[in-house]
Protein backbone atom coordinates (compact mmCIF):
# COMPACT_ATOMS: atom_id res chain seq x y z
CA MET A 1 88.46 153.31 79.48
CA SER A 2 88.59 155.39 82.28
CA LEU A 3 88.93 154.82 86.21
CA ASP A 4 85.82 156.31 87.91
CA VAL A 5 87.46 156.51 91.50
CA THR A 6 89.28 159.33 93.43
CA LEU A 7 92.56 158.10 94.27
CA GLN A 8 95.88 159.68 96.16
CA THR A 9 98.19 159.96 93.14
CA ASP A 10 100.87 162.46 94.34
CA PRO A 11 104.35 160.38 93.61
CA GLY A 12 105.37 161.29 97.11
CA LEU A 13 102.56 158.83 98.65
CA ILE A 14 103.94 155.77 96.84
CA SER A 15 105.11 153.79 99.74
CA SER A 16 108.54 152.18 100.03
CA ASP A 17 107.08 149.43 102.18
CA PRO A 18 106.22 146.38 99.76
CA ILE A 19 103.07 145.66 101.67
CA GLU A 20 101.52 149.14 101.40
CA GLU A 21 102.74 149.69 97.83
CA ALA A 22 101.37 146.31 96.64
CA ARG A 23 98.00 147.40 98.82
CA ARG A 24 98.15 150.80 96.73
CA GLN A 25 98.08 149.26 93.40
CA ILE A 26 95.52 146.31 94.04
CA GLU A 27 93.28 148.85 95.00
CA ILE A 28 93.44 150.71 91.88
CA CYS A 29 93.21 147.38 90.02
CA ASN A 30 90.03 146.27 91.95
CA ALA A 31 88.49 149.62 90.67
CA CYS A 32 89.47 148.93 87.32
CA ARG A 33 88.93 145.18 86.78
CA TYR A 34 90.25 145.31 83.23
CA CYS A 35 92.39 142.29 83.72
CA GLU A 36 89.96 140.00 85.51
CA GLY A 37 90.28 137.10 83.31
CA PHE A 38 94.35 136.95 83.21
CA CYS A 39 94.99 134.57 86.40
CA SER A 40 93.71 133.67 89.84
CA VAL A 41 94.75 137.00 91.31
CA PHE A 42 92.34 139.12 89.83
CA PRO A 43 89.12 137.03 90.71
CA ALA A 44 90.67 136.74 94.22
CA ILE A 45 91.11 140.76 94.21
CA THR A 46 87.37 141.36 93.04
CA ARG A 47 86.29 139.18 95.89
CA GLU A 48 87.56 141.74 98.69
CA LYS A 49 86.91 145.31 99.44
CA VAL A 50 89.39 145.99 102.15
CA PHE A 51 92.88 144.22 101.98
CA ALA A 52 94.46 143.54 104.99
CA ASP A 53 98.27 142.70 105.03
CA GLY A 54 97.33 139.13 105.23
CA ASP A 55 95.19 139.54 102.04
CA ILE A 56 98.30 141.11 100.21
CA THR A 57 100.66 138.29 101.31
CA GLN A 58 98.20 135.92 99.79
CA LEU A 59 97.62 137.86 96.41
CA ALA A 60 101.47 138.31 96.08
CA ASN A 61 101.86 134.34 96.53
CA LEU A 62 99.15 133.53 94.21
CA CYS A 63 100.80 135.81 91.44
CA HIS A 64 103.03 133.75 89.05
CA ASN A 65 104.76 136.87 87.69
CA CYS A 66 103.50 136.37 83.85
CA ARG A 67 103.44 140.02 83.61
CA GLY A 68 100.40 140.04 81.17
CA CYS A 69 98.41 142.65 83.36
CA TYR A 70 101.46 145.37 83.22
CA TYR A 71 101.30 144.85 79.32
CA ALA A 72 97.56 145.49 79.31
CA CYS A 73 97.36 147.92 81.90
CA GLN A 74 96.58 151.76 80.74
CA TYR A 75 97.80 153.01 84.17
CA THR A 76 101.48 152.04 84.04
CA ALA A 77 104.04 154.93 83.85
CA PRO A 78 104.03 157.79 82.65
CA HIS A 79 100.66 157.92 83.94
CA GLU A 80 100.11 159.32 87.20
CA PHE A 81 99.07 156.07 88.91
CA ASP A 82 102.41 154.66 87.97
CA LEU A 83 101.23 150.79 88.39
CA ASN A 84 103.74 148.00 88.18
CA LEU A 85 101.72 145.26 89.69
CA PRO A 86 103.91 142.57 88.76
CA GLN A 87 107.09 144.22 90.39
CA ALA A 88 105.01 145.23 93.36
CA LEU A 89 103.56 141.64 94.08
CA ALA A 90 107.04 140.33 93.54
CA ALA A 91 108.23 142.55 95.93
CA ALA A 92 105.72 141.58 98.55
CA ARG A 93 106.15 138.13 97.74
CA THR A 94 109.63 138.03 98.19
CA ASP A 95 109.20 140.06 101.79
CA SER A 96 106.90 137.32 102.92
CA TRP A 97 109.55 134.53 102.41
CA GLU A 98 112.16 136.51 104.04
CA ARG A 99 109.88 137.33 106.89
CA PHE A 100 108.63 133.93 107.38
CA ALA A 101 112.07 131.93 106.76
CA TRP A 102 113.51 130.42 109.80
CA PRO A 103 116.05 131.09 111.08
CA GLY A 104 115.30 134.96 110.35
CA GLY A 105 117.86 136.79 107.83
CA LEU A 106 119.21 133.83 105.84
CA ALA A 107 116.58 134.20 103.20
CA ARG A 108 117.53 137.89 102.82
CA ILE A 109 121.31 137.24 102.53
CA PHE A 110 120.92 134.26 99.73
CA GLN A 111 118.37 136.79 97.83
CA ALA A 112 120.95 139.39 97.74
CA ARG A 113 124.10 137.35 96.99
CA GLY A 114 122.38 134.14 95.59
CA GLU A 115 125.12 133.43 92.93
CA ALA A 116 128.36 133.65 95.00
CA LEU A 117 126.64 131.89 97.81
CA ALA A 118 125.66 128.95 95.91
CA ALA A 119 128.95 128.51 94.29
CA ALA A 120 130.64 128.77 97.63
CA LEU A 121 128.77 126.25 99.03
CA VAL A 122 129.04 123.92 96.15
CA VAL A 123 132.70 124.16 96.36
CA GLY A 124 132.96 123.78 100.06
CA THR A 125 130.79 120.69 100.41
CA ALA A 126 132.35 119.01 97.23
CA LEU A 127 136.05 119.51 98.84
CA MET A 128 134.67 117.94 101.90
CA PHE A 129 133.22 114.87 99.67
CA ALA A 130 136.41 114.72 97.95
CA ALA A 131 138.27 114.21 101.33
CA ILE A 132 135.79 111.61 102.28
CA ALA A 133 136.14 109.78 98.87
CA ALA A 134 139.81 109.80 99.24
CA LEU A 135 139.63 107.48 102.39
CA PRO A 136 139.67 103.63 101.80
CA GLY A 137 136.11 102.21 100.80
CA ASP A 138 134.86 98.61 100.48
CA GLY A 139 131.53 98.90 98.57
CA ALA A 140 130.66 98.78 95.14
CA GLY A 141 129.75 101.58 92.52
CA PHE A 142 129.68 105.04 94.23
CA TYR A 143 129.96 103.33 97.57
CA ALA A 144 133.46 102.54 96.74
CA TRP A 145 134.09 106.13 97.18
CA ILE A 146 131.68 107.09 99.90
CA SER A 147 130.14 104.73 102.03
CA HIS A 148 126.36 104.24 102.33
CA GLY A 149 126.71 104.92 106.20
CA ALA A 150 128.42 108.46 105.45
CA MET A 151 126.13 109.29 102.58
CA VAL A 152 123.08 108.75 105.15
CA ALA A 153 124.75 110.54 107.87
CA ILE A 154 125.29 113.26 105.78
CA PHE A 155 122.09 113.72 103.88
CA LEU A 156 119.16 112.86 106.44
CA PRO A 157 119.77 115.70 108.47
CA ALA A 158 120.49 117.74 105.40
CA PHE A 159 117.21 116.97 104.19
CA LEU A 160 114.94 116.82 107.19
CA LEU A 161 116.19 120.16 108.71
CA PRO A 162 115.22 122.21 105.63
CA LEU A 163 111.98 120.55 105.63
CA PHE A 164 111.43 121.76 109.30
CA ALA A 165 112.35 125.06 108.48
CA ILE A 166 110.00 125.24 105.50
CA GLY A 167 107.18 123.87 107.84
CA ILE A 168 107.72 126.70 110.11
CA GLY A 169 108.02 129.10 107.39
CA LEU A 170 104.34 127.69 106.12
CA ARG A 171 102.81 127.73 109.22
CA ARG A 172 103.63 131.39 109.68
CA TYR A 173 102.43 132.04 106.01
CA TRP A 174 99.01 130.12 106.76
CA SER A 175 98.47 132.14 110.07
CA GLU A 176 98.94 135.41 108.21
CA VAL A 177 96.46 134.73 105.35
CA GLY A 178 93.89 133.44 107.43
CA GLY A 179 93.74 129.84 106.64
CA VAL A 180 91.56 127.21 107.94
CA ARG A 181 91.17 123.49 108.28
CA VAL A 182 92.27 122.09 104.69
CA ALA A 183 89.68 119.89 102.78
CA TRP A 184 90.51 117.16 100.10
CA ALA A 185 88.88 119.15 97.77
CA ASP A 186 91.16 122.36 98.65
CA LEU A 187 94.27 119.86 97.92
CA ARG A 188 92.92 118.29 94.64
CA ASP A 189 92.00 122.13 93.37
CA ALA A 190 95.35 123.09 94.09
CA SER A 191 97.25 120.20 92.80
CA LEU A 192 95.36 120.34 89.26
CA SER A 193 96.07 124.09 89.12
CA ALA A 194 99.86 123.43 89.98
CA GLY A 195 100.21 120.46 87.76
CA ARG A 196 98.71 122.22 84.50
CA MET A 197 100.66 125.47 85.68
CA LYS A 198 97.11 127.11 84.98
CA ASN A 199 98.15 130.54 85.99
CA LEU A 200 100.80 130.81 83.10
CA ASP A 201 98.28 130.11 80.61
CA GLY A 202 97.30 134.03 80.23
CA GLY A 203 93.78 133.16 81.20
CA GLN A 204 92.91 132.66 77.89
CA GLY A 205 95.02 129.71 76.87
CA GLN A 206 97.59 132.03 74.75
CA GLY A 207 100.22 132.00 77.10
CA CYS A 208 101.76 134.77 79.39
CA ASN A 209 103.84 137.84 78.67
CA PHE A 210 106.84 137.19 80.72
CA GLU A 211 109.15 138.01 77.53
CA LYS A 212 109.42 141.77 76.57
CA GLU A 213 106.63 143.85 75.02
CA GLU A 214 103.16 142.15 74.38
CA ARG A 215 104.72 138.44 73.05
CA PHE A 216 102.38 135.77 74.22
CA SER A 217 104.19 132.54 74.72
CA ASP A 218 103.89 129.39 76.78
CA ALA A 219 107.70 128.96 76.92
CA ARG A 220 107.67 129.89 80.48
CA ARG A 221 104.81 127.43 81.17
CA HIS A 222 106.86 124.61 79.43
CA VAL A 223 110.05 125.07 81.14
CA HIS A 224 108.35 125.34 84.42
CA HIS A 225 106.74 121.92 83.47
CA ALA A 226 110.11 120.69 82.71
CA VAL A 227 111.57 121.69 85.83
CA MET A 228 108.90 120.48 88.15
CA TYR A 229 108.47 117.49 86.61
CA GLY A 230 111.96 116.92 86.29
CA PHE A 231 112.57 117.43 89.95
CA LEU A 232 109.75 115.11 91.04
CA LEU A 233 111.24 112.44 89.00
CA CYS A 234 114.65 112.90 90.46
CA PHE A 235 112.94 112.75 93.94
CA ALA A 236 111.15 109.51 92.95
CA SER A 237 114.23 108.13 91.62
CA THR A 238 116.06 108.70 95.15
CA SER A 239 112.96 107.46 96.95
CA SER A 240 112.60 104.25 94.78
CA GLY A 241 116.38 103.42 95.70
CA THR A 242 115.80 104.08 99.21
CA VAL A 243 112.87 101.39 99.12
CA MET A 244 114.89 99.00 97.04
CA HIS A 245 117.92 99.29 99.57
CA TYR A 246 115.82 99.10 102.83
CA VAL A 247 112.98 97.10 101.79
CA PHE A 248 114.02 94.70 99.42
CA ASP A 249 117.81 94.55 100.46
CA MET A 250 118.41 95.25 96.60
CA GLN A 251 121.96 97.56 97.00
CA ALA A 252 123.17 100.02 94.55
CA PRO A 253 124.63 100.18 92.06
CA TYR A 254 121.53 99.78 89.83
CA GLY A 255 121.19 98.93 86.16
CA PHE A 256 120.08 101.28 83.50
CA TRP A 257 116.58 99.22 83.37
CA SER A 258 116.15 99.48 87.14
CA LEU A 259 113.66 101.97 88.69
CA PRO A 260 116.00 104.62 90.06
CA LYS A 261 117.66 104.76 86.76
CA LEU A 262 114.50 104.76 84.57
CA LEU A 263 113.12 107.73 86.62
CA GLY A 264 116.65 109.81 87.44
CA VAL A 265 117.84 109.86 83.86
CA PRO A 266 114.56 111.65 82.20
CA GLY A 267 114.36 113.58 85.37
CA GLY A 268 117.94 115.01 85.16
CA ILE A 269 117.42 115.70 81.52
CA LEU A 270 114.08 117.48 82.18
CA LEU A 271 115.81 119.51 84.94
CA THR A 272 118.72 120.51 82.91
CA VAL A 273 116.57 121.52 79.99
CA GLY A 274 114.30 123.34 82.03
CA CYS A 275 116.53 125.27 83.84
CA ALA A 276 118.37 126.33 80.79
CA GLY A 277 115.15 127.47 79.35
CA MET A 278 114.55 129.43 82.46
CA LEU A 279 118.09 131.32 82.40
CA MET A 280 117.15 132.18 78.52
CA LEU A 281 113.67 133.29 79.31
CA ARG A 282 115.40 135.61 81.81
CA ARG A 283 117.75 137.36 79.53
CA ARG A 284 114.28 138.34 77.29
CA ALA A 285 112.07 139.57 80.31
CA ASP A 286 112.04 143.04 81.61
CA PRO A 287 113.94 142.97 84.98
CA ALA A 288 112.12 146.29 86.00
CA LEU A 289 109.15 143.88 86.29
CA GLY A 290 110.57 141.47 88.69
CA THR A 291 111.61 141.53 92.28
CA PRO A 292 113.81 144.43 93.05
CA GLY A 293 117.46 143.72 94.25
CA ARG A 294 116.87 139.75 94.18
CA SER A 295 117.96 138.90 90.61
CA SER A 296 121.17 137.29 92.10
CA GLY A 297 119.25 134.94 94.34
CA GLU A 298 116.80 134.12 91.69
CA ARG A 299 119.55 133.08 89.15
CA GLY A 300 121.64 131.42 91.71
CA PHE A 301 118.66 128.90 92.56
CA ILE A 302 118.30 128.21 88.75
CA TRP A 303 121.99 127.51 88.19
CA LEU A 304 121.94 125.34 91.71
CA LEU A 305 118.78 123.23 90.68
CA GLY A 306 120.34 122.76 86.84
CA PHE A 307 123.67 121.93 88.24
CA ALA A 308 122.11 119.16 90.47
CA GLY A 309 120.30 117.73 87.48
CA PHE A 310 123.60 118.00 84.93
CA SER A 311 126.14 116.66 87.23
CA GLY A 312 124.05 113.57 87.99
CA LEU A 313 123.80 113.06 84.24
CA VAL A 314 127.49 113.54 83.71
CA LEU A 315 127.99 111.12 87.02
CA TYR A 316 126.09 108.35 85.35
CA ALA A 317 127.99 108.77 82.01
CA VAL A 318 131.55 108.51 83.66
CA GLY A 319 130.50 105.77 85.94
CA GLY A 320 133.33 103.29 86.16
CA THR A 321 136.33 105.52 85.10
CA TRP A 322 138.71 107.55 87.08
CA LEU A 323 136.33 110.63 86.69
CA THR A 324 133.71 109.07 89.16
CA GLY A 325 135.40 110.36 92.24
CA PRO A 326 135.77 114.02 91.40
CA VAL A 327 132.36 114.24 89.36
CA LEU A 328 130.71 112.30 92.43
CA ALA A 329 132.18 114.84 94.85
CA LEU A 330 130.84 117.85 92.71
CA HIS A 331 127.41 116.21 92.29
CA LEU A 332 126.95 115.67 95.86
CA GLY A 333 128.34 118.95 96.73
CA GLY A 334 125.74 120.58 94.59
CA VAL A 335 122.80 118.57 95.75
CA LEU A 336 123.67 119.09 99.52
CA ALA A 337 123.86 122.85 98.79
CA PHE A 338 120.61 122.79 97.08
CA PHE A 339 119.19 120.96 100.00
CA LEU A 340 120.69 123.26 102.74
CA LEU A 341 119.53 126.54 100.70
CA THR A 342 116.03 125.09 100.16
CA PRO A 343 114.07 127.00 102.80
CA TYR A 344 116.25 130.52 101.77
CA SER A 345 116.36 130.18 98.06
CA LYS A 346 113.38 130.60 95.43
CA MET A 347 112.89 126.73 95.88
CA ALA A 348 110.42 128.14 98.75
CA HIS A 349 108.32 129.83 96.42
CA GLY A 350 106.74 126.19 95.24
CA PHE A 351 105.90 125.69 98.87
CA TYR A 352 104.37 128.91 99.49
CA ARG A 353 102.63 129.08 96.01
CA PHE A 354 100.97 125.76 96.34
CA ALA A 355 99.85 127.11 99.74
CA ALA A 356 98.41 130.23 98.13
CA LEU A 357 96.56 128.07 95.61
CA VAL A 358 95.22 125.86 98.37
CA ARG A 359 94.25 129.13 100.47
CA ASP A 360 92.49 130.31 96.99
CA ALA A 361 90.53 127.22 96.85
CA GLN A 362 89.43 127.11 100.35
CA ASP A 363 88.27 130.64 99.78
CA GLN A 364 86.32 130.00 96.46
CA ARG A 365 84.72 126.84 98.06
CA VAL A 366 83.79 128.71 101.27
CA ARG A 367 82.02 131.63 99.24
CA ALA A 368 80.22 129.03 96.87
CA ASP A 369 78.56 127.59 100.03
CA VAL A 370 77.35 130.61 101.39
């Protein structure tokens, strides 16, 4: 197959700006269209002729970095076009998160030094909780170490402030990509796509090419499912405990057959297994197809999320022993660090990617009505 289009191919014209480089490669892909059935990115590309900066940002966040297009492409190096669309979109995608983050600059710092910053914050907050736990307590279970009032005073702002920061980022994103008023049908279609991890099936249901060479696998789809549903179960566990405490006056500690434990234990297991699987898959993947200079931030996010799930399971296992206090401090330190870093870590990709799916559903619906 040949590409019947005149293009600038002088290597000196390859831009260092992530938006410009992604635009160059997308224009070549739009002329070729060999990968049209791989994921939602390529049908979205074919719906446009000219790509504004907002279009590039939308396509970058719609990309799930499955990398199948790279291994199928005939214009990768050593071809003069030198296409590496997964890397180009990853760079543009990370650039958008860093630009939209509030306060500015924090996302760039975390992405470059993620592992060290996550570890330092976990240790620092764990020491804070250990100091609080050393004070006399009069509650039962975990509250014998840290009072319910102290937990609320620390975690309520630590939960709400990152959500506020993410809201600012999403508003900036929605404005740049030209989003309009969202219909329920858009949310439904985006939720179904996210829930099934549709864009990780390779377009033909054979899985994606995230691992090196032309090996199709559903492994990445499975570990993403484990992480996503594990996180949602853990969140549901905490939410159910909050409702039981404030609405039904049922205070912790809760037994194994209670709703918080029935949701939290399998959630912690899924979260731990999913994050371990992600780290293993990253070892098998080609780093040249990911975001340049951001691997520390990606690993730091996975370690932090997995640690929150794993430490929660350990805490449940050692409950009632002398290890409860130290493990509780570590677990709460990990959870607090996770909350505080959410707007600046790769956890933000879940919010932006869902927004991209909503925008794509919106675009398809509008064009279908024309």
